[in-house]
Amino acid sequence: MADDTTDIESPTRREYVKYGGTVLSAGLLAGCTGDAERGTGSAPTEAVTETDTTTADGSYSVSMSPMGAVTFDSPPETVFTRLTHHADMALALGRGDTVTAMHAP
């Protein structure tokens, strides 16, 4: 009978643990040695790309990329939202009572 052994050895569990631990440790060290500057401990500020401008007649304009500037006479009276998190946004902005329908509640 022929010898059924092969010349290719598969890795053992010890090798998996050893090399996996090495990769995990290297990943943790790489995350800890970043060049990012630390904040002062205050809440992070978010960059806002939208601007609101109110004029004397009560209308306001909103600038959003890629649309540009759009002028409104008054806030919307009713709102149809596409998803539930859009309704949450309206609620957070104090306009939750204007949401009349949702596409995917």
N, C-alpha and C. Protein backbone atom coordinates (compact mmCIF):
# COMPACT_ATOMS: atom_id res chain seq x y z
N MET A 1 0.82 -1.16 0.00
CA MET A 1 0.00 0.00 0.00
C MET A 1 0.87 1.24 0.00
N ALA A 2 0.40 2.24 -0.71
CA ALA A 2 1.18 3.46 -0.81
C ALA A 2 1.02 4.29 0.46
N ASP A 3 2.03 5.10 0.71
CA ASP A 3 2.00 5.98 1.87
C ASP A 3 1.05 7.14 1.58
N ASP A 4 0.05 7.36 2.45
CA ASP A 4 -0.96 8.38 2.23
C ASP A 4 -0.57 9.75 2.78
N THR A 5 0.60 9.91 3.29
CA THR A 5 1.00 11.21 3.84
C THR A 5 1.34 12.17 2.72
N THR A 6 1.13 13.43 2.98
CA THR A 6 1.45 14.46 1.99
C THR A 6 2.57 15.32 2.54
N ASP A 7 3.22 16.04 1.65
CA ASP A 7 4.32 16.90 2.06
C ASP A 7 3.82 18.25 2.58
N ILE A 8 2.57 18.58 2.30
CA ILE A 8 2.02 19.86 2.72
C ILE A 8 1.43 19.71 4.12
N GLU A 9 1.93 20.53 5.04
CA GLU A 9 1.41 20.49 6.40
C GLU A 9 0.44 21.65 6.59
N SER A 10 -0.68 21.36 7.19
CA SER A 10 -1.65 22.42 7.47
C SER A 10 -1.31 23.08 8.80
N PRO A 11 -1.67 24.34 8.96
CA PRO A 11 -1.38 25.04 10.22
C PRO A 11 -2.15 24.42 11.39
N THR A 12 -1.54 24.45 12.53
CA THR A 12 -2.18 23.93 13.73
C THR A 12 -2.95 25.04 14.43
N ARG A 13 -3.72 24.66 15.44
CA ARG A 13 -4.48 25.66 16.20
C ARG A 13 -3.54 26.62 16.90
N ARG A 14 -2.41 26.12 17.36
CA ARG A 14 -1.45 26.99 18.04
C ARG A 14 -0.93 28.06 17.09
N GLU A 15 -0.68 27.69 15.85
CA GLU A 15 -0.20 28.67 14.88
C GLU A 15 -1.29 29.70 14.57
N TYR A 16 -2.53 29.25 14.47
CA TYR A 16 -3.63 30.18 14.25
C TYR A 16 -3.73 31.19 15.40
N VAL A 17 -3.62 30.70 16.64
CA VAL A 17 -3.70 31.58 17.80
C VAL A 17 -2.51 32.53 17.83
N LYS A 18 -1.32 32.01 17.55
CA LYS A 18 -0.11 32.83 17.60
C LYS A 18 -0.16 33.94 16.55
N TYR A 19 -0.45 33.59 15.32
CA TYR A 19 -0.46 34.59 14.26
C TYR A 19 -1.68 35.51 14.36
N GLY A 20 -2.81 34.96 14.78
CA GLY A 20 -3.99 35.80 14.97
C GLY A 20 -3.78 36.82 16.07
N GLY A 21 -3.14 36.40 17.17
CA GLY A 21 -2.82 37.32 18.26
C GLY A 21 -1.86 38.40 17.81
N THR A 22 -0.90 38.03 16.97
CA THR A 22 0.06 39.00 16.46
C THR A 22 -0.64 40.04 15.59
N VAL A 23 -1.52 39.60 14.72
CA VAL A 23 -2.25 40.53 13.85
C VAL A 23 -3.16 41.43 14.68
N LEU A 24 -3.83 40.87 15.67
CA LEU A 24 -4.71 41.66 16.53
C LEU A 24 -3.92 42.70 17.32
N SER A 25 -2.79 42.30 17.88
CA SER A 25 -1.94 43.23 18.63
C SER A 25 -1.42 44.34 17.74
N ALA A 26 -1.00 44.00 16.53
CA ALA A 26 -0.50 45.01 15.61
C ALA A 26 -1.61 46.00 15.23
N GLY A 27 -2.81 45.50 15.05
CA GLY A 27 -3.93 46.38 14.73
C GLY A 27 -4.26 47.32 15.88
N LEU A 28 -4.22 46.82 17.11
CA LEU A 28 -4.48 47.68 18.26
C LEU A 28 -3.40 48.73 18.43
N LEU A 29 -2.15 48.33 18.23
CA LEU A 29 -1.06 49.28 18.35
C LEU A 29 -1.13 50.35 17.26
N ALA A 30 -1.50 49.95 16.07
CA ALA A 30 -1.60 50.91 14.97
C ALA A 30 -2.69 51.94 15.26
N GLY A 31 -3.78 51.52 15.89
CA GLY A 31 -4.84 52.45 16.23
C GLY A 31 -4.46 53.39 17.35
N CYS A 32 -3.59 52.95 18.24
CA CYS A 32 -3.19 53.77 19.39
C CYS A 32 -2.09 54.76 19.06
N THR A 33 -1.36 54.54 17.99
CA THR A 33 -0.22 55.40 17.69
C THR A 33 -0.52 56.39 16.58
N GLY A 34 -1.79 56.71 16.35
CA GLY A 34 -2.15 57.65 15.29
C GLY A 34 -1.65 59.05 15.61
N ASP A 35 -1.53 59.89 14.59
CA ASP A 35 -1.03 61.25 14.75
C ASP A 35 -2.15 62.26 15.00
N ALA A 36 -3.35 61.79 15.27
CA ALA A 36 -4.47 62.70 15.47
C ALA A 36 -4.28 63.49 16.75
N GLU A 37 -4.62 64.78 16.68
CA GLU A 37 -4.52 65.61 17.87
C GLU A 37 -5.74 65.40 18.74
N ARG A 38 -5.54 65.47 20.03
CA ARG A 38 -6.64 65.29 20.96
C ARG A 38 -7.40 66.59 21.13
N GLY A 39 -8.69 66.45 21.36
CA GLY A 39 -9.52 67.62 21.58
C GLY A 39 -9.33 68.16 22.99
N THR A 40 -10.03 69.23 23.30
CA THR A 40 -9.92 69.85 24.61
C THR A 40 -10.91 69.26 25.60
N GLY A 41 -11.67 68.26 25.19
CA GLY A 41 -12.64 67.65 26.07
C GLY A 41 -14.04 68.19 25.87
N SER A 42 -14.21 69.20 25.06
CA SER A 42 -15.54 69.73 24.81
C SER A 42 -16.22 68.89 23.74
N ALA A 43 -17.48 69.12 23.56
CA ALA A 43 -18.24 68.36 22.57
C ALA A 43 -17.73 68.69 21.17
N PRO A 44 -17.67 67.68 20.30
CA PRO A 44 -17.18 67.94 18.94
C PRO A 44 -18.16 68.81 18.17
N THR A 45 -17.62 69.65 17.32
CA THR A 45 -18.46 70.50 16.48
C THR A 45 -18.60 69.86 15.12
N GLU A 46 -19.76 70.00 14.55
CA GLU A 46 -20.02 69.44 13.23
C GLU A 46 -19.98 70.54 12.19
N ALA A 47 -19.43 70.22 11.04
CA ALA A 47 -19.40 71.18 9.94
C ALA A 47 -20.76 71.19 9.27
N VAL A 48 -21.40 72.32 9.25
CA VAL A 48 -22.72 72.44 8.65
C VAL A 48 -22.57 73.07 7.28
N THR A 49 -23.13 72.41 6.27
CA THR A 49 -23.03 72.94 4.91
C THR A 49 -24.30 73.66 4.51
N GLU A 50 -25.32 73.62 5.35
CA GLU A 50 -26.58 74.26 5.03
C GLU A 50 -26.63 75.61 5.73
N THR A 51 -27.16 76.62 5.04
CA THR A 51 -27.28 77.94 5.65
C THR A 51 -28.70 78.43 5.49
N ASP A 52 -29.20 79.10 6.52
CA ASP A 52 -30.53 79.70 6.49
C ASP A 52 -30.38 81.21 6.59
N THR A 53 -31.10 81.94 5.76
CA THR A 53 -31.07 83.39 5.79
C THR A 53 -32.50 83.90 5.84
N THR A 54 -32.83 84.68 6.87
CA THR A 54 -34.17 85.24 7.00
C THR A 54 -34.14 86.70 6.58
N THR A 55 -35.12 87.10 5.78
CA THR A 55 -35.22 88.49 5.35
C THR A 55 -36.34 89.18 6.11
N ALA A 56 -36.53 90.47 5.87
CA ALA A 56 -37.53 91.26 6.60
C ALA A 56 -38.96 90.82 6.29
N ASP A 57 -39.23 90.29 5.10
CA ASP A 57 -40.59 89.91 4.74
C ASP A 57 -40.98 88.53 5.24
N GLY A 58 -40.13 87.85 5.99
CA GLY A 58 -40.46 86.55 6.57
C GLY A 58 -40.00 85.38 5.73
N SER A 59 -39.59 85.59 4.51
CA SER A 59 -39.10 84.48 3.70
C SER A 59 -37.66 84.17 4.09
N TYR A 60 -37.23 83.00 3.73
CA TYR A 60 -35.85 82.61 4.03
C TYR A 60 -35.33 81.75 2.89
N SER A 61 -34.01 81.70 2.77
CA SER A 61 -33.42 80.87 1.73
C SER A 61 -32.54 79.82 2.39
N VAL A 62 -32.46 78.68 1.74
CA VAL A 62 -31.66 77.56 2.21
C VAL A 62 -30.69 77.20 1.11
N SER A 63 -29.42 77.07 1.46
CA SER A 63 -28.39 76.66 0.49
C SER A 63 -27.90 75.27 0.84
N MET A 64 -28.05 74.36 -0.09
CA MET A 64 -27.58 72.99 0.09
C MET A 64 -26.91 72.55 -1.20
N SER A 65 -25.78 71.86 -1.05
CA SER A 65 -25.16 71.31 -2.24
C SER A 65 -25.91 70.05 -2.60
N PRO A 66 -26.11 69.70 -3.76
CA PRO A 66 -25.83 70.21 -5.08
C PRO A 66 -26.94 71.12 -5.60
N MET A 67 -27.95 71.41 -4.79
CA MET A 67 -29.11 72.17 -5.27
C MET A 67 -28.82 73.66 -5.42
N GLY A 68 -28.08 74.22 -4.48
CA GLY A 68 -27.85 75.65 -4.50
C GLY A 68 -28.80 76.35 -3.55
N ALA A 69 -29.10 77.61 -3.80
CA ALA A 69 -29.97 78.39 -2.92
C ALA A 69 -31.42 78.29 -3.37
N VAL A 70 -32.31 78.04 -2.41
CA VAL A 70 -33.74 77.96 -2.66
C VAL A 70 -34.42 78.88 -1.65
N THR A 71 -35.37 79.71 -2.11
CA THR A 71 -36.07 80.64 -1.23
C THR A 71 -37.47 80.13 -0.94
N PHE A 72 -37.86 80.19 0.34
CA PHE A 72 -39.18 79.76 0.78
C PHE A 72 -39.89 80.95 1.42
N ASP A 73 -41.22 81.00 1.26
CA ASP A 73 -42.02 82.06 1.89
C ASP A 73 -42.29 81.75 3.36
N SER A 74 -42.50 80.46 3.67
CA SER A 74 -42.78 80.05 5.04
C SER A 74 -42.38 78.58 5.19
N PRO A 75 -42.27 78.09 6.42
CA PRO A 75 -41.98 76.67 6.60
C PRO A 75 -43.11 75.82 6.04
N PRO A 76 -42.85 74.59 5.66
CA PRO A 76 -43.91 73.75 5.10
C PRO A 76 -45.00 73.46 6.14
N GLU A 77 -46.24 73.41 5.67
CA GLU A 77 -47.36 73.13 6.57
C GLU A 77 -47.54 71.64 6.78
N THR A 78 -47.26 70.84 5.75
CA THR A 78 -47.33 69.39 5.88
C THR A 78 -46.06 68.78 5.29
N VAL A 79 -45.70 67.61 5.83
CA VAL A 79 -44.47 66.94 5.39
C VAL A 79 -44.78 65.48 5.13
N PHE A 80 -44.36 64.99 3.97
CA PHE A 80 -44.39 63.57 3.64
C PHE A 80 -42.96 63.08 3.72
N THR A 81 -42.70 62.09 4.57
CA THR A 81 -41.33 61.59 4.73
C THR A 81 -41.17 60.26 4.04
N ARG A 82 -39.97 60.01 3.58
CA ARG A 82 -39.67 58.76 2.88
C ARG A 82 -39.44 57.63 3.86
N LEU A 83 -38.66 57.85 4.88
CA LEU A 83 -38.34 56.81 5.86
C LEU A 83 -38.55 57.35 7.27
N THR A 84 -38.53 56.46 8.25
CA THR A 84 -38.84 56.86 9.62
C THR A 84 -37.80 57.81 10.20
N HIS A 85 -36.54 57.68 9.81
CA HIS A 85 -35.54 58.58 10.38
C HIS A 85 -35.73 60.01 9.88
N HIS A 86 -36.39 60.19 8.74
CA HIS A 86 -36.71 61.54 8.29
C HIS A 86 -37.78 62.16 9.20
N ALA A 87 -38.72 61.35 9.65
CA ALA A 87 -39.72 61.83 10.60
C ALA A 87 -39.06 62.19 11.93
N ASP A 88 -38.06 61.41 12.33
CA ASP A 88 -37.31 61.72 13.55
C ASP A 88 -36.58 63.05 13.42
N MET A 89 -36.07 63.34 12.23
CA MET A 89 -35.40 64.62 12.01
C MET A 89 -36.38 65.78 12.14
N ALA A 90 -37.57 65.62 11.58
CA ALA A 90 -38.59 66.67 11.70
C ALA A 90 -38.98 66.86 13.16
N LEU A 91 -39.09 65.79 13.90
CA LEU A 91 -39.43 65.88 15.32
C LEU A 91 -38.33 66.59 16.09
N ALA A 92 -37.08 66.28 15.78
CA ALA A 92 -35.95 66.92 16.45
C ALA A 92 -35.88 68.41 16.15
N LEU A 93 -36.36 68.81 14.98
CA LEU A 93 -36.35 70.22 14.60
C LEU A 93 -37.59 70.97 15.09
N GLY A 94 -38.45 70.27 15.84
CA GLY A 94 -39.65 70.91 16.36
C GLY A 94 -40.78 70.97 15.36
N ARG A 95 -40.71 70.22 14.29
CA ARG A 95 -41.74 70.23 13.25
C ARG A 95 -42.43 68.87 13.14
N GLY A 96 -42.43 68.09 14.21
CA GLY A 96 -43.02 66.76 14.18
C GLY A 96 -44.50 66.75 13.90
N ASP A 97 -45.21 67.81 14.29
CA ASP A 97 -46.65 67.86 14.05
C ASP A 97 -46.99 68.09 12.58
N THR A 98 -46.02 68.46 11.76
CA THR A 98 -46.28 68.67 10.34
C THR A 98 -46.18 67.39 9.52
N VAL A 99 -45.64 66.31 10.10
CA VAL A 99 -45.51 65.04 9.38
C VAL A 99 -46.89 64.42 9.25
N THR A 100 -47.36 64.27 8.01
CA THR A 100 -48.70 63.72 7.77
C THR A 100 -48.67 62.30 7.25
N ALA A 101 -47.56 61.87 6.64
CA ALA A 101 -47.49 60.52 6.09
C ALA A 101 -46.04 60.08 5.98
N MET A 102 -45.86 58.74 6.02
CA MET A 102 -44.53 58.15 5.82
C MET A 102 -44.66 57.04 4.79
N HIS A 103 -43.66 56.91 3.93
CA HIS A 103 -43.69 55.89 2.89
C HIS A 103 -43.43 54.51 3.48
N ALA A 104 -42.43 54.37 4.34
CA ALA A 104 -42.07 53.07 4.90
C ALA A 104 -41.98 53.17 6.42
N PRO A 105 -43.13 53.14 7.11
CA PRO A 105 -43.09 53.30 8.56
C PRO A 105 -42.54 52.15 9.24
